[in-house]
């Protein structure tokens, strides 16, 4: 099977209280959709290591 395309793995924007910032997430997803990525995977990561 040949896989091709662009998969986006965006960081999960969080507020100072640690909760997901849904407004920021919507804006981020809108940018990815406008860029016509082939798939978006939300992993709940903040991009930092443990």
N, C-alpha and C. Protein backbone atom coordinates (compact mmCIF):
# COMPACT_ATOMS: atom_id res chain seq x y z
N UNK A 1 0.84 -1.15 0.00
CA UNK A 1 0.00 0.00 0.00
C UNK A 1 0.90 1.23 0.00
N UNK A 2 0.59 2.19 -0.86
CA UNK A 2 1.35 3.44 -0.94
C UNK A 2 0.56 4.52 -0.21
N UNK A 3 1.17 5.09 0.81
CA UNK A 3 0.55 6.20 1.52
C UNK A 3 1.14 7.50 0.99
N UNK A 4 0.29 8.48 0.79
CA UNK A 4 0.80 9.77 0.36
C UNK A 4 -0.15 10.85 0.87
N UNK A 5 0.34 12.07 0.87
CA UNK A 5 -0.45 13.19 1.36
C UNK A 5 0.23 13.82 2.56
N UNK A 6 -0.43 14.78 3.13
CA UNK A 6 0.13 15.51 4.27
C UNK A 6 -0.77 15.32 5.47
N UNK A 7 -0.20 14.79 6.55
CA UNK A 7 -0.92 14.63 7.81
C UNK A 7 -0.42 15.66 8.80
N UNK A 8 -1.34 16.37 9.41
CA UNK A 8 -0.98 17.40 10.39
C UNK A 8 -1.20 16.87 11.81
N UNK A 9 -0.23 17.11 12.67
CA UNK A 9 -0.31 16.73 14.08
C UNK A 9 -0.15 18.00 14.92
N UNK A 10 -1.20 18.82 15.00
CA UNK A 10 -1.06 20.09 15.72
C UNK A 10 -0.96 19.90 17.23
N UNK A 11 -0.29 20.84 17.88
CA UNK A 11 -0.27 20.81 19.33
C UNK A 11 -1.67 21.15 19.84
N UNK A 12 -1.97 20.78 21.06
CA UNK A 12 -3.27 21.06 21.64
C UNK A 12 -3.14 22.35 22.46
N UNK A 13 -3.76 23.45 22.02
CA UNK A 13 -3.64 24.70 22.76
C UNK A 13 -4.39 24.62 24.08
N UNK A 14 -3.71 24.98 25.16
CA UNK A 14 -4.30 24.94 26.49
C UNK A 14 -4.17 26.29 27.17
N UNK A 15 -5.13 26.59 28.01
CA UNK A 15 -5.09 27.81 28.80
C UNK A 15 -4.22 27.60 30.04
N UNK A 16 -4.09 28.66 30.82
CA UNK A 16 -3.26 28.58 32.03
C UNK A 16 -3.83 27.60 33.05
N UNK A 17 -5.12 27.27 32.93
CA UNK A 17 -5.74 26.30 33.84
C UNK A 17 -5.56 24.86 33.37
N UNK A 18 -4.88 24.67 32.22
CA UNK A 18 -4.64 23.33 31.70
C UNK A 18 -5.75 22.77 30.84
N UNK A 19 -6.83 23.52 30.69
CA UNK A 19 -7.96 23.05 29.87
C UNK A 19 -7.74 23.45 28.41
N UNK A 20 -8.33 22.68 27.52
CA UNK A 20 -8.20 22.95 26.09
C UNK A 20 -8.83 24.31 25.77
N UNK A 21 -8.08 25.14 25.06
CA UNK A 21 -8.57 26.43 24.59
C UNK A 21 -9.29 26.17 23.27
N UNK A 22 -10.60 25.99 23.34
CA UNK A 22 -11.36 25.59 22.16
C UNK A 22 -11.35 26.65 21.06
N UNK A 23 -11.33 27.92 21.43
CA UNK A 23 -11.27 28.97 20.43
C UNK A 23 -9.97 28.91 19.64
N UNK A 24 -8.86 28.74 20.35
CA UNK A 24 -7.56 28.64 19.69
C UNK A 24 -7.49 27.37 18.84
N UNK A 25 -8.09 26.29 19.32
CA UNK A 25 -8.10 25.04 18.55
C UNK A 25 -8.90 25.21 17.26
N UNK A 26 -10.03 25.89 17.34
CA UNK A 26 -10.83 26.15 16.13
C UNK A 26 -10.04 26.95 15.10
N UNK A 27 -9.33 27.99 15.57
CA UNK A 27 -8.53 28.81 14.65
C UNK A 27 -7.42 27.98 14.01
N UNK A 28 -6.77 27.15 14.80
CA UNK A 28 -5.71 26.30 14.28
C UNK A 28 -6.25 25.30 13.24
N UNK A 29 -7.37 24.69 13.55
CA UNK A 29 -7.98 23.75 12.61
C UNK A 29 -8.43 24.44 11.33
N UNK A 30 -8.93 25.67 11.44
CA UNK A 30 -9.35 26.42 10.25
C UNK A 30 -8.15 26.65 9.33
N UNK A 31 -6.98 26.96 9.90
CA UNK A 31 -5.78 27.16 9.10
C UNK A 31 -5.38 25.87 8.38
N UNK A 32 -5.46 24.76 9.09
CA UNK A 32 -5.09 23.47 8.49
C UNK A 32 -6.08 23.09 7.39
N UNK A 33 -7.35 23.34 7.60
CA UNK A 33 -8.35 23.04 6.58
C UNK A 33 -8.15 23.93 5.35
N UNK A 34 -7.83 25.19 5.58
CA UNK A 34 -7.57 26.11 4.46
C UNK A 34 -6.34 25.67 3.67
N UNK A 35 -5.38 25.05 4.36
CA UNK A 35 -4.17 24.55 3.69
C UNK A 35 -4.43 23.22 2.98
N UNK A 36 -5.63 22.70 3.12
CA UNK A 36 -6.06 21.46 2.47
C UNK A 36 -5.18 20.25 2.82
N UNK A 37 -4.87 20.12 4.12
CA UNK A 37 -4.14 18.93 4.55
C UNK A 37 -5.02 17.71 4.32
N UNK A 38 -4.41 16.55 4.19
CA UNK A 38 -5.15 15.33 3.90
C UNK A 38 -5.74 14.68 5.14
N UNK A 39 -5.11 14.90 6.29
CA UNK A 39 -5.65 14.37 7.54
C UNK A 39 -5.13 15.20 8.70
N UNK A 40 -5.90 15.21 9.78
CA UNK A 40 -5.54 15.92 11.01
C UNK A 40 -5.69 14.94 12.16
N UNK A 41 -4.63 14.78 12.94
CA UNK A 41 -4.65 13.89 14.09
C UNK A 41 -4.50 14.72 15.35
N UNK A 42 -5.50 14.68 16.23
CA UNK A 42 -5.42 15.38 17.50
C UNK A 42 -5.00 14.38 18.58
N UNK A 43 -3.82 14.60 19.10
CA UNK A 43 -3.27 13.66 20.07
C UNK A 43 -3.31 14.18 21.51
N UNK A 44 -3.74 15.42 21.69
CA UNK A 44 -3.79 15.99 23.03
C UNK A 44 -2.42 16.40 23.54
N UNK A 45 -1.44 16.54 22.68
CA UNK A 45 -0.08 16.90 23.07
C UNK A 45 0.09 18.40 23.13
N UNK A 46 0.89 18.85 24.08
CA UNK A 46 1.22 20.28 24.15
C UNK A 46 2.57 20.53 23.51
N UNK A 47 3.18 19.49 22.97
CA UNK A 47 4.45 19.65 22.29
C UNK A 47 5.66 19.60 23.22
N UNK A 48 5.43 19.41 24.52
CA UNK A 48 6.55 19.34 25.45
C UNK A 48 6.70 17.92 25.96
N UNK A 49 7.90 17.59 26.36
CA UNK A 49 8.19 16.25 26.88
C UNK A 49 7.88 16.18 28.37
N UNK A 50 7.69 14.98 28.83
CA UNK A 50 7.39 14.80 30.26
C UNK A 50 8.56 15.24 31.12
